[in-house]
Structures are given as structure tokens and as C-alpha cells.
N, C-alpha and C. Protein backbone atom coordinates (compact mmCIF):
# COMPACT_ATOMS: atom_id res chain seq x y z
N UNK A 1 -31.04 -19.21 38.88
CA UNK A 1 -30.99 -18.07 37.99
C UNK A 1 -32.39 -17.89 37.41
N UNK A 2 -32.83 -16.64 37.41
CA UNK A 2 -34.17 -16.35 36.89
C UNK A 2 -34.17 -16.44 35.36
N UNK A 3 -35.36 -16.59 34.82
CA UNK A 3 -35.52 -16.66 33.36
C UNK A 3 -35.03 -15.37 32.71
N UNK A 4 -35.30 -14.24 33.34
CA UNK A 4 -34.87 -12.94 32.80
C UNK A 4 -33.33 -12.85 32.76
N UNK A 5 -32.66 -13.28 33.80
CA UNK A 5 -31.20 -13.25 33.85
C UNK A 5 -30.60 -14.19 32.80
N UNK A 6 -31.22 -15.36 32.64
CA UNK A 6 -30.74 -16.32 31.65
C UNK A 6 -30.86 -15.74 30.24
N UNK A 7 -31.99 -15.11 29.92
CA UNK A 7 -32.19 -14.48 28.62
C UNK A 7 -31.19 -13.35 28.38
N UNK A 8 -30.87 -12.60 29.43
CA UNK A 8 -29.90 -11.52 29.32
C UNK A 8 -28.51 -12.07 28.98
N UNK A 9 -28.12 -13.16 29.64
CA UNK A 9 -26.83 -13.81 29.32
C UNK A 9 -26.80 -14.30 27.88
N UNK A 10 -27.88 -14.90 27.44
CA UNK A 10 -27.96 -15.39 26.06
C UNK A 10 -27.85 -14.23 25.08
N UNK A 11 -28.50 -13.12 25.37
CA UNK A 11 -28.41 -11.93 24.51
C UNK A 11 -26.98 -11.41 24.43
N UNK A 12 -26.29 -11.41 25.58
CA UNK A 12 -24.90 -10.95 25.59
C UNK A 12 -24.00 -11.88 24.78
N UNK A 13 -24.19 -13.16 24.92
CA UNK A 13 -23.40 -14.15 24.17
C UNK A 13 -23.65 -13.99 22.68
N UNK A 14 -24.90 -13.79 22.26
CA UNK A 14 -25.23 -13.58 20.85
C UNK A 14 -24.54 -12.31 20.33
N UNK A 15 -24.60 -11.23 21.09
CA UNK A 15 -24.00 -9.96 20.67
C UNK A 15 -22.49 -10.10 20.51
N UNK A 16 -21.85 -10.78 21.43
CA UNK A 16 -20.40 -10.98 21.35
C UNK A 16 -20.06 -11.87 20.16
N UNK A 17 -20.82 -12.93 19.95
CA UNK A 17 -20.57 -13.82 18.80
C UNK A 17 -20.73 -13.08 17.48
N UNK A 18 -21.76 -12.26 17.37
CA UNK A 18 -21.96 -11.48 16.14
C UNK A 18 -20.82 -10.50 15.94
N UNK A 19 -20.37 -9.85 17.00
CA UNK A 19 -19.25 -8.90 16.89
C UNK A 19 -17.97 -9.60 16.44
N UNK A 20 -17.69 -10.78 16.98
CA UNK A 20 -16.50 -11.54 16.60
C UNK A 20 -16.59 -11.98 15.13
N UNK A 21 -17.73 -12.48 14.72
CA UNK A 21 -17.91 -12.92 13.33
C UNK A 21 -17.79 -11.72 12.38
N UNK A 22 -18.40 -10.60 12.73
CA UNK A 22 -18.31 -9.39 11.90
C UNK A 22 -16.87 -8.91 11.80
N UNK A 23 -16.14 -8.90 12.91
CA UNK A 23 -14.73 -8.48 12.90
C UNK A 23 -13.91 -9.42 12.02
N UNK A 24 -14.17 -10.71 12.10
CA UNK A 24 -13.46 -11.70 11.27
C UNK A 24 -13.73 -11.44 9.79
N UNK A 25 -14.97 -11.21 9.42
CA UNK A 25 -15.33 -10.96 8.02
C UNK A 25 -14.68 -9.67 7.52
N UNK A 26 -14.75 -8.60 8.32
CA UNK A 26 -14.13 -7.33 7.92
C UNK A 26 -12.62 -7.49 7.74
N UNK A 27 -11.98 -8.17 8.67
CA UNK A 27 -10.52 -8.34 8.61
C UNK A 27 -10.10 -9.25 7.45
N UNK A 28 -10.88 -10.27 7.18
CA UNK A 28 -10.54 -11.23 6.14
C UNK A 28 -10.79 -10.69 4.73
N UNK A 29 -11.90 -9.99 4.54
CA UNK A 29 -12.30 -9.62 3.19
C UNK A 29 -12.23 -8.13 2.87
N UNK A 30 -12.22 -7.25 3.86
CA UNK A 30 -12.32 -5.84 3.56
C UNK A 30 -11.09 -5.02 3.99
N UNK A 31 -10.69 -5.11 5.23
CA UNK A 31 -9.59 -4.29 5.74
C UNK A 31 -8.63 -5.15 6.55
N UNK A 32 -7.36 -4.74 6.55
CA UNK A 32 -6.35 -5.39 7.39
C UNK A 32 -5.30 -4.34 7.72
N UNK A 33 -4.39 -4.72 8.58
CA UNK A 33 -3.31 -3.80 8.95
C UNK A 33 -1.97 -4.41 8.55
N UNK A 34 -1.00 -3.53 8.40
CA UNK A 34 0.35 -3.96 8.07
C UNK A 34 1.31 -3.01 8.77
N UNK A 35 2.46 -3.52 9.15
CA UNK A 35 3.49 -2.69 9.78
C UNK A 35 4.54 -2.36 8.73
N UNK A 36 4.87 -1.07 8.63
CA UNK A 36 5.90 -0.62 7.69
C UNK A 36 7.25 -1.02 8.26
N UNK A 37 8.02 -1.74 7.44
CA UNK A 37 9.36 -2.16 7.85
C UNK A 37 10.39 -1.46 6.98
N UNK A 38 11.29 -0.72 7.60
CA UNK A 38 12.34 -0.04 6.87
C UNK A 38 11.98 1.38 6.51
N UNK A 39 12.90 2.02 5.81
CA UNK A 39 12.77 3.45 5.50
C UNK A 39 12.48 3.71 4.03
N UNK A 40 12.09 2.70 3.25
CA UNK A 40 11.95 2.89 1.81
C UNK A 40 10.78 3.78 1.42
N UNK A 41 9.83 4.02 2.31
CA UNK A 41 8.70 4.90 1.99
C UNK A 41 8.79 6.25 2.70
N UNK A 42 9.92 6.54 3.37
CA UNK A 42 10.09 7.86 3.98
C UNK A 42 10.03 8.92 2.89
N UNK A 43 9.48 10.07 3.09
CA UNK A 43 8.88 10.60 4.30
C UNK A 43 7.40 10.27 4.45
N UNK A 44 6.77 9.63 3.47
CA UNK A 44 5.33 9.36 3.54
C UNK A 44 4.98 8.40 4.66
N UNK A 45 5.68 7.28 4.74
CA UNK A 45 5.47 6.28 5.79
C UNK A 45 6.81 6.00 6.44
N UNK A 46 6.81 5.86 7.76
CA UNK A 46 8.05 5.64 8.48
C UNK A 46 8.10 4.25 9.09
N UNK A 47 9.32 3.78 9.33
CA UNK A 47 9.54 2.48 9.94
C UNK A 47 8.72 2.34 11.22
N UNK A 48 8.00 1.24 11.35
CA UNK A 48 7.25 0.94 12.57
C UNK A 48 5.81 1.44 12.56
N UNK A 49 5.45 2.29 11.61
CA UNK A 49 4.06 2.74 11.56
C UNK A 49 3.16 1.59 11.15
N UNK A 50 1.97 1.58 11.69
CA UNK A 50 0.97 0.58 11.32
C UNK A 50 -0.04 1.27 10.40
N UNK A 51 -0.29 0.64 9.25
CA UNK A 51 -1.23 1.20 8.28
C UNK A 51 -2.44 0.28 8.11
N UNK A 52 -3.57 0.91 7.82
CA UNK A 52 -4.79 0.19 7.51
C UNK A 52 -4.89 0.13 5.99
N UNK A 53 -5.09 -1.06 5.44
CA UNK A 53 -5.23 -1.15 4.00
C UNK A 53 -6.55 -1.80 3.61
N UNK A 54 -7.05 -1.33 2.47
CA UNK A 54 -8.33 -1.73 1.92
C UNK A 54 -8.10 -2.92 1.00
N UNK A 55 -8.68 -4.06 1.32
CA UNK A 55 -8.47 -5.27 0.54
C UNK A 55 -9.48 -5.45 -0.59
N UNK A 56 -10.58 -4.72 -0.54
CA UNK A 56 -11.64 -4.95 -1.53
C UNK A 56 -11.63 -3.94 -2.67
N UNK A 57 -10.94 -2.82 -2.51
CA UNK A 57 -10.98 -1.74 -3.49
C UNK A 57 -10.59 -2.21 -4.89
N UNK A 58 -9.63 -3.13 -5.02
CA UNK A 58 -9.19 -3.54 -6.34
C UNK A 58 -10.06 -4.62 -6.97
N UNK A 59 -11.11 -5.02 -6.29
CA UNK A 59 -12.14 -5.83 -6.93
C UNK A 59 -13.12 -4.91 -7.66
N UNK A 60 -13.15 -3.65 -7.22
CA UNK A 60 -14.08 -2.66 -7.77
C UNK A 60 -13.40 -1.81 -8.85
N UNK A 61 -12.14 -1.47 -8.64
CA UNK A 61 -11.40 -0.63 -9.59
C UNK A 61 -9.99 -1.15 -9.75
N UNK A 62 -9.32 -0.66 -10.77
CA UNK A 62 -7.94 -1.06 -11.05
C UNK A 62 -6.97 -0.24 -10.20
N UNK A 63 -5.82 -0.82 -9.84
CA UNK A 63 -4.78 -0.02 -9.20
C UNK A 63 -4.39 1.14 -10.12
N UNK A 64 -4.03 2.27 -9.52
CA UNK A 64 -3.73 3.46 -10.32
C UNK A 64 -2.44 4.11 -9.87
N UNK A 65 -1.85 4.86 -10.78
CA UNK A 65 -0.64 5.62 -10.48
C UNK A 65 -0.88 6.49 -9.24
N UNK A 66 0.08 6.44 -8.33
CA UNK A 66 0.00 7.22 -7.10
C UNK A 66 -0.52 6.43 -5.90
N UNK A 67 -1.20 5.31 -6.14
CA UNK A 67 -1.70 4.49 -5.03
C UNK A 67 -0.53 3.91 -4.24
N UNK A 68 -0.64 3.92 -2.92
CA UNK A 68 0.33 3.23 -2.07
C UNK A 68 -0.28 1.86 -1.79
N UNK A 69 0.41 0.81 -2.21
CA UNK A 69 -0.17 -0.53 -2.19
C UNK A 69 0.65 -1.49 -1.33
N UNK A 70 -0.01 -2.55 -0.93
CA UNK A 70 0.63 -3.67 -0.23
C UNK A 70 0.85 -4.76 -1.28
N UNK A 71 2.10 -5.19 -1.42
CA UNK A 71 2.47 -6.21 -2.39
C UNK A 71 2.85 -7.46 -1.62
N UNK A 72 2.18 -8.56 -1.93
CA UNK A 72 2.44 -9.82 -1.24
C UNK A 72 3.35 -10.69 -2.08
N UNK A 73 4.49 -11.00 -1.52
CA UNK A 73 5.44 -11.91 -2.15
C UNK A 73 5.61 -13.11 -1.21
N UNK A 74 6.13 -14.24 -1.68
CA UNK A 74 6.22 -15.43 -0.84
C UNK A 74 6.97 -15.23 0.47
N UNK A 75 8.05 -14.48 0.47
CA UNK A 75 8.85 -14.34 1.68
C UNK A 75 8.40 -13.18 2.55
N UNK A 76 7.98 -12.06 1.93
CA UNK A 76 7.58 -10.90 2.71
C UNK A 76 6.68 -10.01 1.89
N UNK A 77 5.98 -9.12 2.57
CA UNK A 77 5.14 -8.13 1.90
C UNK A 77 5.86 -6.79 1.86
N UNK A 78 5.51 -5.98 0.85
CA UNK A 78 6.14 -4.68 0.66
C UNK A 78 5.07 -3.61 0.57
N UNK A 79 5.42 -2.39 1.00
CA UNK A 79 4.58 -1.22 0.82
C UNK A 79 5.30 -0.31 -0.16
N UNK A 80 4.68 -0.04 -1.30
CA UNK A 80 5.29 0.78 -2.35
C UNK A 80 4.22 1.65 -3.01
N UNK A 81 4.68 2.61 -3.80
CA UNK A 81 3.79 3.49 -4.55
C UNK A 81 3.79 3.07 -6.02
N UNK A 82 2.60 2.97 -6.62
CA UNK A 82 2.50 2.67 -8.05
C UNK A 82 2.94 3.91 -8.83
N UNK A 83 3.91 3.72 -9.70
CA UNK A 83 4.43 4.80 -10.52
C UNK A 83 4.02 4.59 -11.98
N UNK A 84 3.96 3.33 -12.42
CA UNK A 84 3.61 3.05 -13.80
C UNK A 84 2.56 1.97 -13.92
N UNK A 85 1.63 2.18 -14.82
CA UNK A 85 0.56 1.23 -15.09
C UNK A 85 0.90 0.39 -16.32
N UNK A 86 0.11 -0.65 -16.62
CA UNK A 86 0.39 -1.47 -17.79
C UNK A 86 0.57 -0.64 -19.06
N UNK A 87 1.60 -1.01 -19.83
CA UNK A 87 1.95 -0.39 -21.11
C UNK A 87 2.58 0.99 -21.00
N UNK A 88 2.77 1.53 -19.81
CA UNK A 88 3.47 2.81 -19.65
C UNK A 88 4.96 2.62 -19.92
N UNK A 89 5.61 3.66 -20.40
CA UNK A 89 7.06 3.68 -20.52
C UNK A 89 7.59 4.56 -19.41
N UNK A 90 8.46 3.99 -18.57
CA UNK A 90 9.01 4.67 -17.40
C UNK A 90 10.47 5.00 -17.65
N UNK A 91 10.82 6.24 -17.32
CA UNK A 91 12.22 6.66 -17.41
C UNK A 91 12.49 7.70 -16.34
N UNK A 92 13.67 7.61 -15.76
CA UNK A 92 14.13 8.63 -14.81
C UNK A 92 15.40 9.20 -15.42
N UNK A 93 15.38 10.51 -15.60
CA UNK A 93 16.52 11.17 -16.22
C UNK A 93 16.71 12.52 -15.53
N UNK A 94 17.93 12.79 -15.08
CA UNK A 94 18.26 14.05 -14.42
C UNK A 94 17.32 14.32 -13.24
N UNK A 95 17.06 13.29 -12.42
CA UNK A 95 16.24 13.36 -11.20
C UNK A 95 14.76 13.59 -11.48
N UNK A 96 14.32 13.44 -12.71
CA UNK A 96 12.91 13.64 -13.07
C UNK A 96 12.32 12.32 -13.53
N UNK A 97 11.09 12.06 -13.11
CA UNK A 97 10.36 10.87 -13.52
C UNK A 97 9.53 11.20 -14.76
N UNK A 98 9.71 10.39 -15.79
CA UNK A 98 8.94 10.54 -17.03
C UNK A 98 8.05 9.32 -17.20
N UNK A 99 6.79 9.55 -17.47
CA UNK A 99 5.86 8.48 -17.82
C UNK A 99 5.36 8.80 -19.22
N UNK A 100 5.62 7.89 -20.13
CA UNK A 100 5.25 8.08 -21.54
C UNK A 100 5.77 9.40 -22.10
N UNK A 101 7.00 9.75 -21.68
CA UNK A 101 7.65 10.94 -22.20
C UNK A 101 7.29 12.24 -21.51
N UNK A 102 6.36 12.21 -20.54
CA UNK A 102 5.94 13.43 -19.86
C UNK A 102 6.50 13.46 -18.44
N UNK A 103 7.06 14.62 -18.06
CA UNK A 103 7.59 14.80 -16.70
C UNK A 103 6.43 14.75 -15.71
N UNK A 104 6.64 14.03 -14.60
CA UNK A 104 5.60 13.88 -13.58
C UNK A 104 5.89 14.75 -12.36
N UNK A 105 4.87 15.40 -11.87
CA UNK A 105 4.97 16.14 -10.61
C UNK A 105 4.86 15.11 -9.49
N UNK A 106 5.81 15.12 -8.58
CA UNK A 106 5.81 14.15 -7.47
C UNK A 106 5.75 14.92 -6.15
N UNK A 107 4.62 15.53 -5.88
CA UNK A 107 4.47 16.41 -4.71
C UNK A 107 4.64 15.65 -3.39
N UNK A 108 4.52 14.34 -3.40
CA UNK A 108 4.67 13.54 -2.20
C UNK A 108 6.12 13.35 -1.81
N UNK A 109 7.06 13.71 -2.69
CA UNK A 109 8.49 13.57 -2.41
C UNK A 109 9.07 14.87 -1.89
N UNK A 110 10.05 14.75 -0.98
CA UNK A 110 10.79 15.95 -0.58
C UNK A 110 11.96 16.13 -1.54
N UNK A 111 12.61 17.28 -1.45
CA UNK A 111 13.69 17.61 -2.37
C UNK A 111 14.85 16.61 -2.31
N UNK A 112 15.15 16.12 -1.11
CA UNK A 112 16.23 15.15 -0.96
C UNK A 112 15.92 13.86 -1.73
N UNK A 113 14.68 13.38 -1.64
CA UNK A 113 14.29 12.16 -2.36
C UNK A 113 14.40 12.36 -3.87
N UNK A 114 13.99 13.53 -4.34
CA UNK A 114 14.09 13.83 -5.77
C UNK A 114 15.55 13.83 -6.21
N UNK A 115 16.42 14.48 -5.43
CA UNK A 115 17.83 14.56 -5.78
C UNK A 115 18.53 13.20 -5.71
N UNK A 116 18.00 12.29 -4.89
CA UNK A 116 18.60 10.95 -4.75
C UNK A 116 18.08 9.95 -5.77
N UNK A 117 17.20 10.38 -6.66
CA UNK A 117 16.65 9.49 -7.68
C UNK A 117 17.63 9.40 -8.84
N UNK A 118 18.19 8.22 -9.04
CA UNK A 118 19.19 8.01 -10.10
C UNK A 118 18.52 7.71 -11.44
N UNK A 119 19.25 7.94 -12.51
CA UNK A 119 18.75 7.68 -13.85
C UNK A 119 18.38 6.20 -14.00
N UNK A 120 17.36 5.94 -14.79
CA UNK A 120 16.86 4.58 -14.99
C UNK A 120 16.07 4.54 -16.29
N UNK A 121 16.14 3.41 -16.97
CA UNK A 121 15.28 3.16 -18.11
C UNK A 121 15.75 3.82 -19.39
N UNK A 122 14.88 3.90 -20.33
CA UNK A 122 13.44 3.64 -20.27
C UNK A 122 13.10 2.15 -20.31
N UNK A 123 11.98 1.80 -19.65
CA UNK A 123 11.43 0.45 -19.70
C UNK A 123 9.93 0.55 -19.95
N UNK A 124 9.39 -0.46 -20.62
CA UNK A 124 7.95 -0.51 -20.82
C UNK A 124 7.35 -1.51 -19.84
N UNK A 125 6.30 -1.09 -19.16
CA UNK A 125 5.62 -1.95 -18.19
C UNK A 125 4.77 -2.96 -18.97
N UNK A 126 4.94 -4.27 -18.69
CA UNK A 126 4.15 -5.28 -19.39
C UNK A 126 2.64 -5.10 -19.18
N UNK A 127 1.88 -5.69 -20.06
CA UNK A 127 0.42 -5.58 -20.09
C UNK A 127 -0.24 -5.87 -18.74
N UNK A 128 0.21 -6.89 -18.04
CA UNK A 128 -0.47 -7.34 -16.82
C UNK A 128 0.29 -6.94 -15.54
N UNK A 129 1.08 -5.87 -15.61
CA UNK A 129 1.97 -5.54 -14.49
C UNK A 129 1.94 -4.05 -14.16
N UNK A 130 2.60 -3.74 -13.03
CA UNK A 130 2.74 -2.36 -12.55
C UNK A 130 4.19 -2.12 -12.19
N UNK A 131 4.59 -0.85 -12.22
CA UNK A 131 5.93 -0.43 -11.84
C UNK A 131 5.78 0.33 -10.54
N UNK A 132 6.50 -0.10 -9.49
CA UNK A 132 6.39 0.53 -8.17
C UNK A 132 7.74 1.06 -7.71
N UNK A 133 7.68 2.09 -6.88
CA UNK A 133 8.89 2.65 -6.29
C UNK A 133 8.57 3.07 -4.86
N UNK A 134 9.60 3.05 -4.02
CA UNK A 134 9.48 3.62 -2.69
C UNK A 134 9.69 5.13 -2.78
N UNK A 135 9.17 5.86 -1.83
CA UNK A 135 9.34 7.32 -1.83
C UNK A 135 10.75 7.73 -1.43
N UNK A 136 11.48 6.87 -0.74
CA UNK A 136 12.87 7.13 -0.39
C UNK A 136 13.72 6.46 -1.48
N UNK A 137 13.85 7.15 -2.59
CA UNK A 137 14.37 6.57 -3.82
C UNK A 137 15.77 6.01 -3.73
N UNK A 138 16.61 6.56 -2.85
CA UNK A 138 18.01 6.11 -2.82
C UNK A 138 18.19 4.74 -2.18
N UNK A 139 17.27 4.30 -1.33
CA UNK A 139 17.45 3.01 -0.65
C UNK A 139 16.34 2.01 -0.93
N UNK A 140 15.35 2.38 -1.70
CA UNK A 140 14.18 1.53 -1.90
C UNK A 140 14.48 0.33 -2.81
N UNK A 141 14.08 -0.85 -2.33
CA UNK A 141 14.06 -2.04 -3.19
C UNK A 141 12.70 -2.00 -3.89
N UNK A 142 12.71 -1.80 -5.21
CA UNK A 142 11.46 -1.63 -5.94
C UNK A 142 11.60 -2.16 -7.36
N UNK A 143 10.76 -1.71 -8.26
CA UNK A 143 10.77 -2.24 -9.64
C UNK A 143 12.06 -1.93 -10.38
N UNK A 144 12.85 -1.00 -9.89
CA UNK A 144 14.12 -0.68 -10.55
C UNK A 144 15.20 -1.67 -10.19
N UNK A 145 15.09 -2.34 -9.04
CA UNK A 145 16.25 -3.09 -8.53
C UNK A 145 15.88 -4.23 -7.60
N UNK A 146 15.16 -5.18 -8.04
CA UNK A 146 14.95 -6.34 -7.18
C UNK A 146 13.52 -6.85 -7.16
N UNK A 147 12.55 -5.97 -7.16
CA UNK A 147 11.16 -6.44 -7.16
C UNK A 147 10.64 -6.67 -8.56
N UNK A 148 11.29 -6.10 -9.55
CA UNK A 148 10.86 -6.16 -10.96
C UNK A 148 9.43 -5.63 -11.09
N UNK A 149 8.75 -6.05 -12.14
CA UNK A 149 7.38 -5.60 -12.34
C UNK A 149 6.46 -6.37 -11.39
N UNK A 150 5.39 -5.72 -10.98
CA UNK A 150 4.46 -6.31 -10.01
C UNK A 150 3.19 -6.74 -10.74
N UNK A 151 2.86 -8.01 -10.61
CA UNK A 151 1.62 -8.53 -11.21
C UNK A 151 0.43 -8.03 -10.39
N UNK A 152 -0.70 -7.82 -11.06
CA UNK A 152 -1.88 -7.31 -10.38
C UNK A 152 -2.31 -8.22 -9.23
N UNK A 153 -2.18 -9.53 -9.40
CA UNK A 153 -2.61 -10.45 -8.33
C UNK A 153 -1.71 -10.39 -7.09
N UNK A 154 -0.52 -9.79 -7.22
CA UNK A 154 0.37 -9.62 -6.07
C UNK A 154 -0.01 -8.40 -5.22
N UNK A 155 -0.83 -7.52 -5.77
CA UNK A 155 -1.28 -6.34 -5.04
C UNK A 155 -2.50 -6.74 -4.24
N UNK A 156 -2.35 -6.75 -2.91
CA UNK A 156 -3.44 -7.25 -2.06
C UNK A 156 -4.25 -6.15 -1.40
N UNK A 157 -3.85 -4.90 -1.57
CA UNK A 157 -4.63 -3.83 -0.99
C UNK A 157 -4.02 -2.46 -1.19
N UNK A 158 -4.84 -1.46 -0.93
CA UNK A 158 -4.44 -0.06 -1.05
C UNK A 158 -4.36 0.54 0.36
N UNK A 159 -3.22 1.13 0.66
CA UNK A 159 -3.04 1.75 1.98
C UNK A 159 -3.95 2.97 2.07
N UNK A 160 -4.77 3.00 3.12
CA UNK A 160 -5.73 4.08 3.30
C UNK A 160 -5.31 5.08 4.37
N UNK A 161 -4.76 4.57 5.48
CA UNK A 161 -4.40 5.50 6.55
C UNK A 161 -3.38 4.92 7.52
N UNK A 162 -2.67 5.83 8.17
CA UNK A 162 -1.75 5.45 9.24
C UNK A 162 -2.59 5.39 10.51
N UNK A 163 -2.54 4.27 11.22
CA UNK A 163 -3.35 4.15 12.43
C UNK A 163 -2.53 4.08 13.72
N UNK A 164 -1.21 3.91 13.58
CA UNK A 164 -0.35 3.87 14.75
C UNK A 164 1.06 4.28 14.35
N UNK A 165 1.75 5.08 15.12
CA UNK A 165 1.36 5.63 16.41
C UNK A 165 0.22 6.64 16.26
N UNK A 166 -0.55 6.79 17.30
CA UNK A 166 -1.73 7.63 17.26
C UNK A 166 -1.39 9.07 16.92
N UNK A 167 -0.19 9.52 17.27
CA UNK A 167 0.20 10.90 16.96
C UNK A 167 0.36 11.11 15.45
N UNK A 168 0.48 10.03 14.68
CA UNK A 168 0.63 10.11 13.23
C UNK A 168 -0.67 9.74 12.49
N UNK A 169 -1.75 9.56 13.22
CA UNK A 169 -3.03 9.16 12.63
C UNK A 169 -3.40 10.11 11.48
N UNK A 170 -3.47 9.55 10.25
CA UNK A 170 -3.80 10.39 9.09
C UNK A 170 -4.07 9.50 7.89
N UNK A 171 -4.72 10.09 6.89
CA UNK A 171 -4.92 9.40 5.62
C UNK A 171 -3.61 9.43 4.85
N UNK A 172 -3.34 8.38 4.06
CA UNK A 172 -2.12 8.37 3.25
C UNK A 172 -2.42 9.05 1.92
N UNK A 173 -1.35 9.61 1.33
CA UNK A 173 -1.52 10.32 0.05
C UNK A 173 -0.71 9.64 -1.02
């Protein structure tokens, strides 16, 4: 093997090693994927869709109302929407969501989801926690019925986009 061919092989090996290390760093610290399981986020996210989530955003800013987040629990992870922030008072009355006594516009919900939202609360979100709900309100396991309040350290990322199936490729809202 000539010296030129040997150097070319070494360059290729270096490039591949750098690409693998860079992919590992990006996946570990910045972005990851998750598969949506179940129908609790319909119509926004559907069962089987793969989403890309941002793992670093909450080191820079706080989770906010409306964010679709990945919640890590010991047995399984959940995809839910933040509805209430620390110290907010949450109430659902007559199919309307109230935060601190003010009716909230929920443009991400369809009419069926709004009509299926049962009365709840009022409850106050603890200082270090968030209140989350699925967009498919009638079947979602969320802060109203099983997940309770979500601690900030349980939120591992913000869903940024649907990446699979390719026909559904889009940013999440």
C-alpha cells in the first residue's frame, strides 16, 4: 500500500470517528428521540409517531405553559403538555380551563377534546412543580389522575418536531 493510500485510510477513519463522537455527544446532551405511545396526545401527536426532543433547552430557560414535554418516570416516560406552572391555580369548569381564574384559549385542541374535558379542581400547583395534561382529555393519564404534579427534574426535554412517519414531518405546537 502506498503512503498516499495509507494516509487516505487514516483520514477516513478519523472522519468516521469524529462523526460517531459528535453524534454521541448530540444524542446524549442535546437532542434525542422518543416514540409516542397511546392516544393521550391526539390530535397533536398520534400513537407510533417519533418525536425529536430538545434536552438542553431547560438548562437555558424554564418550562412554560403550552410546552409539550417528555417526563421521565422510573417505569416509563410520558409526553404531555404543560398547562400550569408553579403557584398557578388550575380549574376546569364547564369544559373550560381556568388558570388563576382566567379562561384559557386552547387552540391546539379540537372541539371533541374540549367537550370531553371533565370538571376538575381547583388545585394549586406546588412551588417546584408543573401541572400537565394530554390533549386527548378524556383518556389521558396526567396531573388530574395518576401522574400528579410533575417535578422540574422529571422533565427531560421539550418536544420540537415530529420526525416519523415522514408524511407527518412538522414542528410541534
